[in-house]
């Protein structure tokens, strides 16, 4: 989850945003939604799904501006993504990689209906920690 990546949040955010923009010119599938607060029209962040490797489930991502953390917006948006993913896209599985120390990310994943599946070693060399937690829905 982008909001937690120690010391690289802005770099990771920029890299993710660039991936989303670049996807419009490539075969890579990226689904992205802006999160807007209905009552004020404020931009909260964004969330979506991305295909990182062939023959792998789509990966869930979300980024919320820090001033909106802890209000349930991430959980609400993830539930809507699951609803869309499983009914409209007819996918049967999505994943989220969450740093072991990211307790907020764990809670969001669990409260949105995801299940802990175990630890894996990520090949992403831009992260300070390579061991992440794998959630499955």
C-alpha atoms as a PDB file:
ATOM      1  CA  UNK A   1       0.000   0.000   0.000  1.00  0.00           C
ATOM      2  CA  UNK A   2       1.582   3.222  -1.168  1.00  0.00           C
ATOM      3  CA  UNK A   3       0.772   5.369   1.877  1.00  0.00           C
ATOM      4  CA  UNK A   4       3.159   3.402   4.130  1.00  0.00           C
ATOM      5  CA  UNK A   5       6.318   2.823   2.132  1.00  0.00           C
ATOM      6  CA  UNK A   6       9.001   4.094   4.503  1.00  0.00           C
ATOM      7  CA  UNK A   7      10.859   7.088   3.162  1.00  0.00           C
ATOM      8  CA  UNK A   8       9.773   6.468  -0.404  1.00  0.00           C
ATOM      9  CA  UNK A   9       6.092   7.404  -0.291  1.00  0.00           C
ATOM     10  CA  UNK A  10       6.407  10.359  -2.650  1.00  0.00           C
ATOM     11  CA  UNK A  11       8.721   8.426  -4.977  1.00  0.00           C
ATOM     12  CA  UNK A  12       6.381   5.436  -4.946  1.00  0.00           C
ATOM     13  CA  UNK A  13       3.377   7.677  -5.481  1.00  0.00           C
ATOM     14  CA  UNK A  14       5.086   9.346  -8.436  1.00  0.00           C
ATOM     15  CA  UNK A  15       6.114   5.961  -9.882  1.00  0.00           C
ATOM     16  CA  UNK A  16       2.577   4.592  -9.481  1.00  0.00           C
ATOM     17  CA  UNK A  17       1.049   7.713 -11.009  1.00  0.00           C
ATOM     18  CA  UNK A  18       3.474   7.514 -13.947  1.00  0.00           C
ATOM     19  CA  UNK A  19       2.556   3.826 -14.425  1.00  0.00           C
ATOM     20  CA  UNK A  20      -1.117   4.792 -14.564  1.00  0.00           C
ATOM     21  CA  UNK A  21      -0.481   7.545 -17.118  1.00  0.00           C
ATOM     22  CA  UNK A  22       1.856   5.346 -19.202  1.00  0.00           C
ATOM     23  CA  UNK A  23      -0.738   2.558 -19.260  1.00  0.00           C
ATOM     24  CA  UNK A  24      -2.809   4.598 -21.683  1.00  0.00           C
ATOM     25  CA  UNK A  25      -0.097   4.011 -24.292  1.00  0.00           C
ATOM     26  CA  UNK A  26       0.662   0.364 -23.497  1.00  0.00           C
ATOM     27  CA  UNK A  27      -0.935  -3.061 -23.294  1.00  0.00           C
ATOM     28  CA  UNK A  28      -0.650  -3.043 -19.498  1.00  0.00           C
ATOM     29  CA  UNK A  29      -4.013  -3.035 -17.770  1.00  0.00           C
ATOM     30  CA  UNK A  30      -4.449  -0.371 -15.106  1.00  0.00           C
ATOM     31  CA  UNK A  31      -7.781   0.553 -13.566  1.00  0.00           C
ATOM     32  CA  UNK A  32      -7.713   3.759 -11.530  1.00  0.00           C
ATOM     33  CA  UNK A  33     -10.380   5.754  -9.713  1.00  0.00           C
ATOM     34  CA  UNK A  34     -10.129   9.179  -8.120  1.00  0.00           C
ATOM     35  CA  UNK A  35     -11.595   9.237  -4.618  1.00  0.00           C
ATOM     36  CA  UNK A  36     -13.709  12.355  -4.119  1.00  0.00           C
ATOM     37  CA  UNK A  37     -15.550  13.304  -0.918  1.00  0.00           C
ATOM     38  CA  UNK A  38     -19.205  13.768  -1.910  1.00  0.00           C
ATOM     39  CA  UNK A  39     -19.974  16.463   0.659  1.00  0.00           C
ATOM     40  CA  UNK A  40     -17.113  18.804  -0.303  1.00  0.00           C
ATOM     41  CA  UNK A  41     -15.741  17.626  -3.640  1.00  0.00           C
ATOM     42  CA  UNK A  42     -12.279  17.288  -2.058  1.00  0.00           C
ATOM     43  CA  UNK A  43      -9.802  14.910  -3.692  1.00  0.00           C
ATOM     44  CA  UNK A  44      -9.013  12.170  -1.144  1.00  0.00           C
ATOM     45  CA  UNK A  45      -6.648  10.087  -3.260  1.00  0.00           C
ATOM     46  CA  UNK A  46      -7.069   7.235  -5.701  1.00  0.00           C
ATOM     47  CA  UNK A  47      -7.348   3.466  -5.852  1.00  0.00           C
ATOM     48  CA  UNK A  48      -7.507   0.740  -8.436  1.00  0.00           C
ATOM     49  CA  UNK A  49      -6.037  -2.409  -9.895  1.00  0.00           C
ATOM     50  CA  UNK A  50      -2.880  -3.017 -11.877  1.00  0.00           C
ATOM     51  CA  UNK A  51      -1.413  -6.008 -13.697  1.00  0.00           C
ATOM     52  CA  UNK A  52       2.257  -6.292 -12.761  1.00  0.00           C
ATOM     53  CA  UNK A  53       3.110  -9.711 -14.177  1.00  0.00           C
ATOM     54  CA  UNK A  54       1.554 -11.956 -16.808  1.00  0.00           C
ATOM     55  CA  UNK A  55      -0.561 -14.818 -15.469  1.00  0.00           C
ATOM     56  CA  UNK A  56      -0.784 -13.205 -12.029  1.00  0.00           C
ATOM     57  CA  UNK A  57      -3.893 -11.801 -10.338  1.00  0.00           C
ATOM     58  CA  UNK A  58      -4.429  -8.060 -10.559  1.00  0.00           C
ATOM     59  CA  UNK A  59      -2.879  -6.140  -7.690  1.00  0.00           C
ATOM     60  CA  UNK A  60      -4.934  -3.735  -5.616  1.00  0.00           C
ATOM     61  CA  UNK A  61      -3.481  -0.324  -4.790  1.00  0.00           C
ATOM     62  CA  UNK A  62      -4.707   2.753  -3.001  1.00  0.00           C
ATOM     63  CA  UNK A  63      -3.324   6.091  -1.938  1.00  0.00           C
ATOM     64  CA  UNK A  64      -5.101   8.423   0.474  1.00  0.00           C
ATOM     65  CA  UNK A  65      -3.938  11.867   1.443  1.00  0.00           C
ATOM     66  CA  UNK A  66      -2.834  11.639   5.107  1.00  0.00           C
ATOM     67  CA  UNK A  67      -5.438  14.109   6.355  1.00  0.00           C
ATOM     68  CA  UNK A  68      -8.137  11.591   5.329  1.00  0.00           C
ATOM     69  CA  UNK A  69      -6.652   8.516   7.024  1.00  0.00           C
ATOM     70  CA  UNK A  70      -8.721   6.806   9.713  1.00  0.00           C
ATOM     71  CA  UNK A  71     -12.164   7.778   8.404  1.00  0.00           C
ATOM     72  CA  UNK A  72     -13.104   4.524   6.667  1.00  0.00           C
ATOM     73  CA  UNK A  73     -12.677   5.943   3.156  1.00  0.00           C
ATOM     74  CA  UNK A  74     -10.135   3.298   2.142  1.00  0.00           C
ATOM     75  CA  UNK A  75     -12.385   0.457   3.330  1.00  0.00           C
ATOM     76  CA  UNK A  76     -15.398   1.909   1.531  1.00  0.00           C
ATOM     77  CA  UNK A  77     -13.470   2.385  -1.711  1.00  0.00           C
ATOM     78  CA  UNK A  78     -11.937  -1.112  -1.611  1.00  0.00           C
ATOM     79  CA  UNK A  79     -15.338  -2.707  -1.086  1.00  0.00           C
ATOM     80  CA  UNK A  80     -16.607  -0.859  -4.163  1.00  0.00           C
ATOM     81  CA  UNK A  81     -13.592  -2.045  -6.172  1.00  0.00           C
ATOM     82  CA  UNK A  82     -14.264  -5.644  -5.090  1.00  0.00           C
ATOM     83  CA  UNK A  83     -17.910  -5.301  -6.078  1.00  0.00           C
ATOM     84  CA  UNK A  84     -16.924  -4.017  -9.525  1.00  0.00           C
ATOM     85  CA  UNK A  85     -14.056  -6.476  -9.976  1.00  0.00           C
ATOM     86  CA  UNK A  86     -16.018  -9.602  -9.198  1.00  0.00           C
ATOM     87  CA  UNK A  87     -19.317  -8.662 -10.843  1.00  0.00           C
ATOM     88  CA  UNK A  88     -18.317  -6.596 -13.887  1.00  0.00           C
ATOM     89  CA  UNK A  89     -14.796  -7.815 -14.668  1.00  0.00           C
ATOM     90  CA  UNK A  90     -15.629 -11.351 -13.551  1.00  0.00           C
ATOM     91  CA  UNK A  91     -12.220 -11.813 -11.936  1.00  0.00           C
ATOM     92  CA  UNK A  92     -12.046 -14.417  -9.205  1.00  0.00           C
ATOM     93  CA  UNK A  93      -8.975 -13.152  -7.388  1.00  0.00           C
ATOM     94  CA  UNK A  94      -7.065  -9.971  -6.596  1.00  0.00           C
ATOM     95  CA  UNK A  95      -4.069  -9.438  -4.328  1.00  0.00           C
ATOM     96  CA  UNK A  96      -2.591  -6.681  -2.179  1.00  0.00           C
ATOM     97  CA  UNK A  97       0.979  -6.563  -0.928  1.00  0.00           C
ATOM     98  CA  UNK A  98       1.235  -4.905   2.475  1.00  0.00           C
ATOM     99  CA  UNK A  99       4.391  -4.236   4.460  1.00  0.00           C
ATOM    100  CA  UNK A 100       4.505  -6.254   7.678  1.00  0.00           C
ATOM    101  CA  UNK A 101       4.809  -3.104   9.780  1.00  0.00           C
ATOM    102  CA  UNK A 102       1.851  -1.364   8.167  1.00  0.00           C
ATOM    103  CA  UNK A 103      -0.808  -2.110  10.793  1.00  0.00           C
ATOM    104  CA  UNK A 104      -3.252   0.383   9.273  1.00  0.00           C
ATOM    105  CA  UNK A 105      -2.929  -1.315   5.885  1.00  0.00           C
ATOM    106  CA  UNK A 106      -3.517  -4.712   7.506  1.00  0.00           C
ATOM    107  CA  UNK A 107      -6.676  -3.438   9.207  1.00  0.00           C
ATOM    108  CA  UNK A 108      -7.964  -1.890   5.991  1.00  0.00           C
ATOM    109  CA  UNK A 109      -7.393  -5.150   4.110  1.00  0.00           C
ATOM    110  CA  UNK A 110      -9.067  -7.268   6.796  1.00  0.00           C
ATOM    111  CA  UNK A 111     -12.027  -4.910   7.281  1.00  0.00           C
ATOM    112  CA  UNK A 112     -12.606  -4.736   3.544  1.00  0.00           C
ATOM    113  CA  UNK A 113     -12.868  -8.536   3.400  1.00  0.00           C
ATOM    114  CA  UNK A 114      -9.386  -9.657   2.366  1.00  0.00           C
ATOM    115  CA  UNK A 115      -7.671 -12.670   3.928  1.00  0.00           C
ATOM    116  CA  UNK A 116      -4.076 -13.066   5.039  1.00  0.00           C
ATOM    117  CA  UNK A 117      -2.332 -15.701   2.921  1.00  0.00           C
ATOM    118  CA  UNK A 118       1.293 -15.529   4.118  1.00  0.00           C
ATOM    119  CA  UNK A 119       4.577 -13.809   3.382  1.00  0.00           C
ATOM    120  CA  UNK A 120       6.328 -13.594   0.042  1.00  0.00           C
ATOM    121  CA  UNK A 121       9.571 -12.114  -1.197  1.00  0.00           C
ATOM    122  CA  UNK A 122       8.988  -9.244  -3.611  1.00  0.00           C
ATOM    123  CA  UNK A 123      11.481  -8.583  -6.383  1.00  0.00           C
ATOM    124  CA  UNK A 124      10.871  -4.829  -6.294  1.00  0.00           C
ATOM    125  CA  UNK A 125      14.323  -3.431  -5.524  1.00  0.00           C
ATOM    126  CA  UNK A 126      12.979   0.091  -4.936  1.00  0.00           C
ATOM    127  CA  UNK A 127      11.503  -0.912  -1.578  1.00  0.00           C
ATOM    128  CA  UNK A 128      13.596  -0.848   1.561  1.00  0.00           C
ATOM    129  CA  UNK A 129      11.933  -4.027   2.794  1.00  0.00           C
ATOM    130  CA  UNK A 130      11.503  -6.956   0.457  1.00  0.00           C
ATOM    131  CA  UNK A 131       9.242  -9.075   2.671  1.00  0.00           C
ATOM    132  CA  UNK A 132       5.596  -8.130   2.335  1.00  0.00           C
ATOM    133  CA  UNK A 133       2.344  -9.613   3.421  1.00  0.00           C
ATOM    134  CA  UNK A 134       0.087 -11.137   0.797  1.00  0.00           C
ATOM    135  CA  UNK A 135      -3.681 -10.710   1.009  1.00  0.00           C
ATOM    136  CA  UNK A 136      -6.151 -12.482  -1.221  1.00  0.00           C
ATOM    137  CA  UNK A 137      -9.807 -11.794  -1.910  1.00  0.00           C
END
